């Protein structure tokens, strides 16, 4: 990797400074990984070593960004950096959740700056950063899964003990096993009493301090004369559905005593935005939009997964969450790093994706799709207009049924494989273009 720039540029330096010392920066990651390394060095060496290994990538990125900022003509100072409450946590699961959130934010930021900076050396460096952070994200998610599973080891041990008891026939062995079971039951009883005490004590404290309890909240919004619904969620899992009701309905579950959505009513426009909240809080939302509503719907999603089911037309701006569409007729998509899956039948799509993959079950209208490193997979299509599919480093895979009516046009610097071209005389063109990825076209009916 060459650490150099094409020339001095103040604008590029300011963009890289956000990756350098912001809240979701490599400096934050490095300090947090090191904190976790020291904190758990004696109690959990496996976790501690993993955090130490991850810190090396963050430190390397931090040092490279500092050099780039300097080469671009600015000072790589740390004036804007702040320490946060996360550095005082000692809960492993919460810390892993924060690590995952920071890593996702960094991937989004790198990808955004990759598209905004027109310097081939910096673009190559940011591309390698994205690859490394995606690997780190997988490691963190595997660790998160491992420590969630550890909660159940005690009950699994009890099950094994019971099984051994059934298999044993020797009286002395059974007596020994009985003693072990009694001992374990005493421990369980002690744990239950302890947690009961903590629960009662915590409940009384929460009542005194008026701390919010978990509950489900429903909020309804009048959409008479509304022509545009603009909804933005950054941190929470959201499902969008149609309803026969006359009002837009939001159902919220999680910690809250009120709906965590801010409403702004403008002329012929309803804007709903998630209010600022703790990144560790787990909330889920279901948004019901009336079947009678025929206006535009614009959705902005941050870092959690969303589902969109049964709409005529959707415009979506997605950062890092995975998106599932089902039975949506027309999609206008801008995606950064989340994977997009489109089920049911799709009429038309116009979309771009930086590092996320796009999978389409069936399209029967027009497609205009572009990715940088993400793969594009189309399982079945019947196009009715000139269509374009383009990727820089991803693969294009198309599975065609016997009804397809298109001509294929290829522009590829890499290999393409066609099992059988049955569409040479079709009336519409499907234009395929890529740089380093592969193009694969398969027919189901040969």
Protein backbone atom coordinates (compact mmCIF):
# COMPACT_ATOMS: atom_id res chain seq x y z
CA UNK A 1 0.00 0.00 0.00
CA UNK A 2 1.52 3.32 -1.11
CA UNK A 3 1.11 6.10 1.48
CA UNK A 4 1.04 9.14 -0.79
CA UNK A 5 -1.30 11.68 -2.38
CA UNK A 6 -1.60 13.31 -5.79
CA UNK A 7 -1.28 16.79 -4.27
CA UNK A 8 -2.31 19.07 -1.41
CA UNK A 9 -6.03 19.44 -0.89
CA UNK A 10 -7.64 21.06 2.16
CA UNK A 11 -11.09 19.62 1.41
CA UNK A 12 -9.80 16.04 1.38
CA UNK A 13 -7.86 16.64 4.59
CA UNK A 14 -11.03 17.80 6.36
CA UNK A 15 -12.89 14.71 5.18
CA UNK A 16 -10.14 12.40 6.49
CA UNK A 17 -10.04 14.27 9.80
CA UNK A 18 -13.53 12.89 10.51
CA UNK A 19 -12.12 9.36 10.20
CA UNK A 20 -9.12 10.41 12.29
CA UNK A 21 -10.55 11.79 15.54
CA UNK A 22 -14.38 11.85 15.45
CA UNK A 23 -16.64 9.90 17.81
CA UNK A 24 -16.65 6.91 15.44
CA UNK A 25 -12.98 7.13 14.44
CA UNK A 26 -9.95 4.86 14.45
CA UNK A 27 -8.62 6.68 17.51
CA UNK A 28 -11.82 5.81 19.41
CA UNK A 29 -11.56 2.19 18.25
CA UNK A 30 -7.92 1.90 19.20
CA UNK A 31 -8.41 3.30 22.71
CA UNK A 32 -11.51 1.17 23.30
CA UNK A 33 -9.83 -2.04 22.10
CA UNK A 34 -6.84 -1.33 24.35
CA UNK A 35 -9.13 -0.60 27.31
CA UNK A 36 -10.87 -3.95 26.77
CA UNK A 37 -7.51 -5.67 26.39
CA UNK A 38 -6.32 -4.37 29.78
CA UNK A 39 -9.69 -4.78 31.52
CA UNK A 40 -10.08 -8.50 30.71
CA UNK A 41 -6.40 -9.51 30.56
CA UNK A 42 -6.63 -11.55 33.79
CA UNK A 43 -10.24 -12.78 33.63
CA UNK A 44 -10.59 -13.66 29.93
CA UNK A 45 -7.31 -13.98 28.03
CA UNK A 46 -9.07 -15.12 24.81
CA UNK A 47 -11.22 -11.99 24.64
CA UNK A 48 -8.29 -9.79 25.69
CA UNK A 49 -6.01 -11.12 22.93
CA UNK A 50 -8.70 -10.64 20.29
CA UNK A 51 -9.16 -7.02 21.36
CA UNK A 52 -5.40 -6.48 21.25
CA UNK A 53 -5.22 -7.93 17.72
CA UNK A 54 -8.06 -5.68 16.55
CA UNK A 55 -6.35 -2.64 18.04
CA UNK A 56 -3.38 -3.07 15.67
CA UNK A 57 -5.59 -2.38 12.61
CA UNK A 58 -7.08 0.72 14.22
CA UNK A 59 -3.64 2.02 15.19
CA UNK A 60 -2.31 1.40 11.67
CA UNK A 61 -5.31 3.19 10.13
CA UNK A 62 -4.91 6.07 12.61
CA UNK A 63 -1.23 6.52 11.75
CA UNK A 64 -1.84 6.33 7.98
CA UNK A 65 -4.68 8.87 8.19
CA UNK A 66 -2.41 11.23 10.13
CA UNK A 67 0.25 10.98 7.44
CA UNK A 68 -2.31 11.57 4.68
CA UNK A 69 -3.73 14.65 6.41
CA UNK A 70 -0.18 16.02 6.71
CA UNK A 71 0.59 15.28 3.05
CA UNK A 72 -2.62 17.05 2.04
CA UNK A 73 -1.32 20.22 3.73
CA UNK A 74 -3.11 20.21 7.12
CA UNK A 75 -2.04 19.47 10.70
CA UNK A 76 -3.19 16.06 12.04
CA UNK A 77 -4.10 17.40 15.49
CA UNK A 78 -6.40 15.76 18.08
CA UNK A 79 -8.16 18.92 19.29
CA UNK A 80 -11.67 17.70 18.41
CA UNK A 81 -11.31 14.30 20.10
CA UNK A 82 -13.34 13.59 23.24
CA UNK A 83 -13.49 10.62 25.61
CA UNK A 84 -16.90 9.04 26.12
CA UNK A 85 -18.78 7.10 28.78
CA UNK A 86 -18.13 3.88 26.86
CA UNK A 87 -14.58 3.85 28.23
CA UNK A 88 -15.96 3.24 31.74
CA UNK A 89 -18.12 0.21 30.99
CA UNK A 90 -17.12 -3.25 32.22
CA UNK A 91 -19.89 -5.30 30.59
CA UNK A 92 -18.43 -7.46 27.83
CA UNK A 93 -21.64 -7.74 25.79
CA UNK A 94 -22.30 -4.00 25.89
CA UNK A 95 -18.71 -3.28 24.87
CA UNK A 96 -19.01 -5.70 21.94
CA UNK A 97 -22.22 -3.98 20.83
CA UNK A 98 -20.39 -0.65 20.89
CA UNK A 99 -17.42 -2.09 18.98
CA UNK A 100 -19.77 -3.41 16.29
CA UNK A 101 -21.61 -0.08 16.02
CA UNK A 102 -18.32 1.88 15.73
CA UNK A 103 -17.01 -0.53 13.08
CA UNK A 104 -20.19 -0.19 11.01
CA UNK A 105 -20.00 3.60 11.29
CA UNK A 106 -16.37 3.53 10.12
CA UNK A 107 -17.25 1.38 7.09
CA UNK A 108 -19.99 3.85 6.13
CA UNK A 109 -17.66 6.83 6.60
CA UNK A 110 -14.81 5.26 4.61
CA UNK A 111 -17.20 4.36 1.80
CA UNK A 112 -18.70 7.85 1.72
CA UNK A 113 -15.27 9.48 1.57
CA UNK A 114 -14.13 6.96 -1.05
CA UNK A 115 -16.88 8.31 -3.32
CA UNK A 116 -16.15 11.98 -2.47
CA UNK A 117 -12.35 11.94 -2.88
CA UNK A 118 -10.87 11.94 -6.38
CA UNK A 119 -7.31 10.90 -5.52
CA UNK A 120 -6.29 7.42 -6.71
CA UNK A 121 -3.80 6.85 -3.85
CA UNK A 122 -6.27 7.81 -1.12
CA UNK A 123 -9.03 5.78 -2.80
CA UNK A 124 -6.82 2.67 -2.77
CA UNK A 125 -6.01 3.19 0.91
CA UNK A 126 -9.67 3.69 1.88
CA UNK A 127 -10.67 0.60 -0.13
CA UNK A 128 -8.18 -1.52 1.83
CA UNK A 129 -9.48 0.00 5.10
CA UNK A 130 -13.03 -1.07 4.18
CA UNK A 131 -11.90 -4.66 3.51
CA UNK A 132 -10.05 -4.83 6.84
CA UNK A 133 -12.95 -3.33 8.82
CA UNK A 134 -15.42 -5.78 7.28
CA UNK A 135 -13.16 -8.64 8.45
CA UNK A 136 -12.98 -7.08 11.91
CA UNK A 137 -16.78 -6.77 11.95
CA UNK A 138 -17.11 -10.52 11.32
CA UNK A 139 -14.70 -11.24 14.20
CA UNK A 140 -16.69 -9.00 16.56
CA UNK A 141 -20.00 -10.58 15.54
CA UNK A 142 -18.56 -14.08 16.14
CA UNK A 143 -17.36 -12.99 19.59
CA UNK A 144 -20.79 -11.56 20.34
CA UNK A 145 -22.39 -14.88 19.39
CA UNK A 146 -19.89 -16.83 21.51
CA UNK A 147 -20.57 -14.85 24.68
CA UNK A 148 -24.32 -15.01 24.21
CA UNK A 149 -24.09 -18.79 24.00
CA UNK A 150 -22.07 -18.92 27.22
CA UNK A 151 -25.20 -17.95 29.15
CA UNK A 152 -26.61 -21.41 28.67
CA UNK A 153 -23.62 -23.58 29.68
CA UNK A 154 -24.90 -24.20 33.21
CA UNK A 155 -28.25 -25.59 32.05
CA UNK A 156 -26.48 -27.72 29.47
CA UNK A 157 -24.31 -29.16 32.26
CA UNK A 158 -27.43 -30.04 34.25
CA UNK A 159 -28.86 -31.86 31.25
CA UNK A 160 -25.69 -33.93 30.87
CA UNK A 161 -25.72 -34.76 34.59
CA UNK A 162 -29.31 -35.98 34.36
CA UNK A 163 -28.45 -38.12 31.32
CA UNK A 164 -25.50 -39.73 33.12
CA UNK A 165 -27.73 -40.46 36.11
CA UNK A 166 -30.16 -42.35 33.89
CA UNK A 167 -27.33 -44.41 32.39
CA UNK A 168 -25.62 -45.33 35.70
CA UNK A 169 -26.52 -48.62 37.41
CA UNK A 170 -23.83 -48.86 40.09
CA UNK A 171 -25.21 -47.77 43.50
CA UNK A 172 -22.04 -45.97 44.65
CA UNK A 173 -21.85 -44.03 41.37
CA UNK A 174 -25.48 -43.02 41.73
CA UNK A 175 -24.91 -41.79 45.29
CA UNK A 176 -21.96 -39.70 44.16
CA UNK A 177 -24.02 -38.26 41.29
CA UNK A 178 -26.87 -37.52 43.72
CA UNK A 179 -24.49 -35.51 45.91
CA UNK A 180 -23.28 -33.57 42.86
CA UNK A 181 -26.89 -32.79 41.86
CA UNK A 182 -27.76 -31.63 45.40
CA UNK A 183 -24.67 -29.40 45.43
CA UNK A 184 -25.62 -27.89 42.05
CA UNK A 185 -29.21 -27.34 43.18
CA UNK A 186 -27.95 -25.45 46.24
CA UNK A 187 -25.86 -23.24 43.96
CA UNK A 188 -28.86 -22.64 41.67
CA UNK A 189 -31.02 -21.76 44.68
CA UNK A 190 -28.40 -19.31 45.89
CA UNK A 191 -28.23 -17.69 42.42
CA UNK A 192 -32.03 -17.43 42.22
CA UNK A 193 -32.25 -15.81 45.66
CA UNK A 194 -29.51 -13.37 44.71
CA UNK A 195 -31.24 -12.37 41.45
CA UNK A 196 -34.59 -12.09 43.24
CA UNK A 197 -33.02 -9.72 45.74
CA UNK A 198 -31.40 -7.68 42.95
CA UNK A 199 -34.67 -7.52 41.01
CA UNK A 200 -36.69 -6.30 44.02
CA UNK A 201 -34.00 -3.81 44.95
CA UNK A 202 -33.63 -2.54 41.38
CA UNK A 203 -37.40 -2.22 40.98
CA UNK A 204 -37.66 -0.05 44.08
CA UNK A 205 -34.78 2.13 42.90
CA UNK A 206 -36.38 2.47 39.48
CA UNK A 207 -39.66 3.56 41.03
CA UNK A 208 -37.88 6.18 43.13
CA UNK A 209 -35.83 7.49 40.20
CA UNK A 210 -38.68 7.15 37.69
CA UNK A 211 -36.55 5.06 35.34
CA UNK A 212 -38.45 3.96 32.25
CA UNK A 213 -39.63 0.36 32.02
CA UNK A 214 -40.10 -1.73 28.89
CA UNK A 215 -43.45 -1.27 27.22
CA UNK A 216 -45.19 -1.19 23.87
CA UNK A 217 -46.36 2.20 22.65
CA UNK A 218 -48.64 3.01 19.71
CA UNK A 219 -48.80 6.39 18.03
CA UNK A 220 -51.17 7.40 15.20
CA UNK A 221 -50.63 10.20 12.65
CA UNK A 222 -53.21 11.84 10.42
CA UNK A 223 -52.06 11.88 6.77
CA UNK A 224 -54.93 13.77 5.16
CA UNK A 225 -53.62 15.92 2.25
CA UNK A 226 -50.11 14.48 2.73
CA UNK A 227 -48.25 13.87 -0.55
CA UNK A 228 -44.85 12.86 0.86
CA UNK A 229 -44.00 10.71 3.88
CA UNK A 230 -40.33 11.08 4.90
CA UNK A 231 -39.18 8.60 7.59
CA UNK A 232 -35.67 8.38 9.11
CA UNK A 233 -34.39 5.74 11.54
CA UNK A 234 -30.67 5.38 12.28
CA UNK A 235 -30.34 2.92 15.14
CA UNK A 236 -33.36 0.66 15.38
CA UNK A 237 -34.85 -2.32 13.57
CA UNK A 238 -37.91 -1.28 11.58
CA UNK A 239 -40.58 -3.14 9.61
CA UNK A 240 -42.74 -1.23 7.12
CA UNK A 241 -46.19 -2.64 6.24
CA UNK A 242 -49.49 -1.66 4.67
CA UNK A 243 -52.71 -1.38 6.70
CA UNK A 244 -56.43 -0.92 6.05
CA UNK A 245 -56.55 1.79 8.75
CA UNK A 246 -56.94 5.45 7.75
CA UNK A 247 -54.01 6.76 9.82
CA UNK A 248 -50.28 6.08 9.77
CA UNK A 249 -49.45 3.94 12.83
CA UNK A 250 -46.10 3.42 14.59
CA UNK A 251 -45.74 0.65 17.15
CA UNK A 252 -42.67 0.82 19.36
CA UNK A 253 -41.30 -1.80 21.74
CA UNK A 254 -38.38 -1.31 24.13
CA UNK A 255 -37.36 1.07 26.91
CA UNK A 256 -39.44 4.22 26.65
CA UNK A 257 -42.25 6.12 28.29
CA UNK A 258 -43.06 7.89 25.05
CA UNK A 259 -42.70 7.31 21.34
CA UNK A 260 -39.08 7.96 20.33
CA UNK A 261 -40.09 9.61 17.07
CA UNK A 262 -40.13 13.32 16.30
CA UNK A 263 -42.91 14.60 14.05
CA UNK A 264 -42.67 17.57 11.71
CA UNK A 265 -45.74 18.48 9.69
CA UNK A 266 -45.00 20.65 6.69
CA UNK A 267 -47.23 21.56 3.78
CA UNK A 268 -48.30 18.30 2.14
CA UNK A 269 -45.39 16.56 3.88
CA UNK A 270 -45.07 14.41 7.01
CA UNK A 271 -41.54 14.00 8.43
CA UNK A 272 -40.93 11.38 11.12
CA UNK A 273 -37.44 11.11 12.65
CA UNK A 274 -36.03 8.91 15.39
CA UNK A 275 -34.99 11.01 18.37
CA UNK A 276 -31.42 10.86 19.72
CA UNK A 277 -30.96 7.87 22.00
CA UNK A 278 -28.45 5.53 23.59
CA UNK A 279 -26.85 3.26 20.95
CA UNK A 280 -27.13 0.30 23.35
CA UNK A 281 -30.91 0.52 23.73
CA UNK A 282 -32.83 -2.15 21.86
CA UNK A 283 -36.04 -0.92 20.32
CA UNK A 284 -38.13 -2.26 17.47
CA UNK A 285 -40.60 -0.32 15.38
CA UNK A 286 -43.40 -1.35 13.04
CA UNK A 287 -44.62 1.38 10.71
CA UNK A 288 -48.08 0.83 9.16
CA UNK A 289 -48.90 3.03 6.16
CA UNK A 290 -52.54 3.10 4.94
CA UNK A 291 -53.45 1.32 1.71
CA UNK A 292 -55.36 4.45 0.72
CA UNK A 293 -52.16 6.55 0.71
CA UNK A 294 -50.98 7.04 -2.90
CA UNK A 295 -48.21 9.62 -2.38
CA UNK A 296 -44.42 9.23 -2.24
CA UNK A 297 -42.58 7.39 0.53
CA UNK A 298 -38.92 8.21 1.32
CA UNK A 299 -37.08 6.07 3.89
CA UNK A 300 -33.64 6.73 5.38
CA UNK A 301 -32.06 3.85 7.32
CA UNK A 302 -28.92 3.81 9.44
CA UNK A 303 -27.33 0.68 10.87
CA UNK A 304 -30.03 -1.83 11.78
CA UNK A 305 -31.95 -4.23 9.58
CA UNK A 306 -35.26 -3.22 8.01
CA UNK A 307 -38.10 -4.99 6.18
CA UNK A 308 -40.38 -3.36 3.63
CA UNK A 309 -43.47 -5.33 2.58
CA UNK A 310 -46.22 -4.59 0.05
CA UNK A 311 -45.69 -1.09 -1.40
CA UNK A 312 -46.14 0.38 -4.87
CA UNK A 313 -43.11 2.70 -4.87
CA UNK A 314 -40.30 3.24 -2.32
CA UNK A 315 -37.25 5.50 -2.26
CA UNK A 316 -34.64 4.20 0.21
CA UNK A 317 -31.31 5.65 1.39
CA UNK A 318 -29.54 2.91 3.39
CA UNK A 319 -26.19 3.04 5.20
CA UNK A 320 -25.12 -0.25 6.82
CA UNK A 321 -28.26 -2.20 7.71
CA UNK A 322 -29.46 -5.18 5.71
CA UNK A 323 -32.69 -4.54 3.77
CA UNK A 324 -35.41 -7.01 2.75
CA UNK A 325 -38.05 -5.95 0.22
CA UNK A 326 -41.08 -8.06 -0.58
CA UNK A 327 -43.72 -7.32 -3.22
CA UNK A 328 -42.54 -3.76 -3.88
CA UNK A 329 -43.30 -2.60 -7.44
CA UNK A 330 -40.79 0.24 -7.99
CA UNK A 331 -37.59 0.82 -5.98
CA UNK A 332 -35.23 3.82 -6.00
CA UNK A 333 -32.25 2.62 -3.94
CA UNK A 334 -29.06 4.18 -2.61
CA UNK A 335 -27.11 1.68 -0.51
CA UNK A 336 -23.68 1.92 1.14
CA UNK A 337 -22.66 -1.34 2.80
CA UNK A 338 -25.78 -3.30 3.76
CA UNK A 339 -26.99 -6.29 1.74
CA UNK A 340 -30.26 -5.85 -0.16
CA UNK A 341 -32.64 -8.73 -0.86
CA UNK A 342 -35.71 -8.20 -3.05
CA UNK A 343 -38.38 -10.92 -2.95
CA UNK A 344 -41.64 -11.29 -4.82
CA UNK A 345 -42.03 -9.58 -8.20
CA UNK A 346 -40.31 -6.29 -8.96
CA UNK A 347 -41.34 -4.06 -11.85
CA UNK A 348 -38.55 -1.49 -11.88
CA UNK A 349 -35.37 -0.70 -9.94
CA UNK A 350 -32.91 2.16 -10.07
CA UNK A 351 -30.16 1.69 -7.54
CA UNK A 352 -26.54 2.02 -6.48
CA UNK A 353 -24.58 0.12 -3.83
CA UNK A 354 -20.99 0.60 -2.72
CA UNK A 355 -19.98 -2.58 -0.89
CA UNK A 356 -23.31 -4.33 -0.26
CA UNK A 357 -24.73 -7.13 -2.41
CA UNK A 358 -28.05 -6.84 -4.28
CA UNK A 359 -30.15 -9.98 -4.81
CA UNK A 360 -33.37 -9.83 -6.86
CA UNK A 361 -35.85 -12.70 -7.02
CA UNK A 362 -37.70 -11.59 -10.19
CA UNK A 363 -37.80 -8.40 -12.23
CA UNK A 364 -40.14 -7.92 -15.19
CA UNK A 365 -39.65 -4.24 -16.06
CA UNK A 366 -36.52 -2.08 -16.18
CA UNK A 367 -33.30 -2.22 -14.16
CA UNK A 368 -30.53 0.33 -13.72
CA UNK A 369 -28.14 -1.01 -11.05
CA UNK A 370 -24.57 -0.07 -10.16
CA UNK A 371 -22.19 -1.37 -7.45
CA UNK A 372 -18.51 -0.93 -6.58
CA UNK A 373 -17.52 -4.17 -4.81
CA UNK A 374 -20.95 -5.70 -4.18
CA UNK A 375 -22.28 -8.64 -6.18
CA UNK A 376 -25.48 -8.40 -8.24
CA UNK A 377 -27.61 -11.56 -8.46
CA UNK A 378 -30.86 -11.74 -10.45
CA UNK A 379 -32.71 -15.04 -10.32
CA UNK A 380 -35.30 -14.35 -12.99
CA UNK A 381 -36.16 -11.44 -15.28
CA UNK A 382 -38.28 -10.35 -18.23
CA UNK A 383 -37.27 -6.81 -19.14
CA UNK A 384 -39.51 -4.43 -21.07
CA UNK A 385 -37.07 -1.54 -21.54
CA UNK A 386 -33.36 -0.81 -22.07
CA UNK A 387 -31.61 -1.89 -18.87
CA UNK A 388 -28.13 -1.50 -17.35
CA UNK A 389 -26.19 -3.49 -14.77
CA UNK A 390 -22.71 -2.29 -13.84
CA UNK A 391 -20.15 -3.27 -11.20
CA UNK A 392 -16.51 -2.38 -10.65
CA UNK A 393 -15.13 -5.27 -8.60
CA UNK A 394 -18.22 -7.36 -7.86
CA UNK A 395 -19.67 -10.28 -9.80
CA UNK A 396 -22.83 -10.26 -11.95
CA UNK A 397 -24.86 -13.48 -11.92
CA UNK A 398 -28.10 -13.82 -13.87
CA UNK A 399 -30.32 -16.90 -13.96
CA UNK A 400 -32.69 -16.69 -16.92
CA UNK A 401 -35.93 -18.56 -17.59
CA UNK A 402 -37.24 -19.48 -21.03
CA UNK A 403 -39.52 -16.42 -21.24
CA UNK A 404 -36.74 -13.79 -21.29
CA UNK A 405 -36.92 -11.49 -24.29
CA UNK A 406 -33.67 -9.52 -24.21
CA UNK A 407 -30.38 -9.16 -26.06
CA UNK A 408 -27.23 -9.13 -23.96
CA UNK A 409 -24.45 -6.57 -24.49
CA UNK A 410 -21.17 -7.13 -22.64
CA UNK A 411 -18.36 -4.77 -21.67
CA UNK A 412 -16.03 -6.68 -19.37
CA UNK A 413 -12.30 -6.73 -18.69
CA UNK A 414 -12.75 -10.00 -16.84
CA UNK A 415 -14.23 -13.35 -17.89
CA UNK A 416 -17.88 -13.93 -18.65
CA UNK A 417 -19.57 -17.29 -18.96
CA UNK A 418 -22.81 -17.97 -20.84
CA UNK A 419 -24.38 -21.41 -20.81
CA UNK A 420 -26.57 -20.73 -23.83
CA UNK A 421 -27.61 -17.47 -25.48
CA UNK A 422 -31.30 -17.81 -26.39
CA UNK A 423 -32.05 -14.08 -26.56
CA UNK A 424 -30.06 -12.83 -29.57
CA UNK A 425 -33.19 -11.71 -31.40
CA UNK A 426 -34.87 -10.03 -28.42
CA UNK A 427 -36.24 -6.50 -28.76
CA UNK A 428 -34.65 -5.06 -25.57
CA UNK A 429 -31.02 -4.74 -24.51
CA UNK A 430 -29.62 -5.71 -21.13
CA UNK A 431 -26.27 -3.90 -20.93
CA UNK A 432 -23.75 -5.59 -18.61
CA UNK A 433 -20.50 -3.89 -17.61
CA UNK A 434 -17.79 -4.68 -15.07
CA UNK A 435 -14.06 -4.18 -14.52
CA UNK A 436 -12.55 -6.97 -12.41
CA UNK A 437 -15.54 -9.13 -11.48
CA UNK A 438 -17.06 -12.02 -13.44
CA UNK A 439 -20.26 -12.14 -15.49
CA UNK A 440 -22.16 -15.43 -15.30
CA UNK A 441 -25.42 -16.07 -17.16
CA UNK A 442 -27.30 -19.37 -16.77
CA UNK A 443 -30.49 -20.70 -18.34
CA UNK A 444 -32.88 -22.80 -16.27
CA UNK A 445 -34.56 -24.21 -19.42
CA UNK A 446 -31.99 -25.30 -22.02
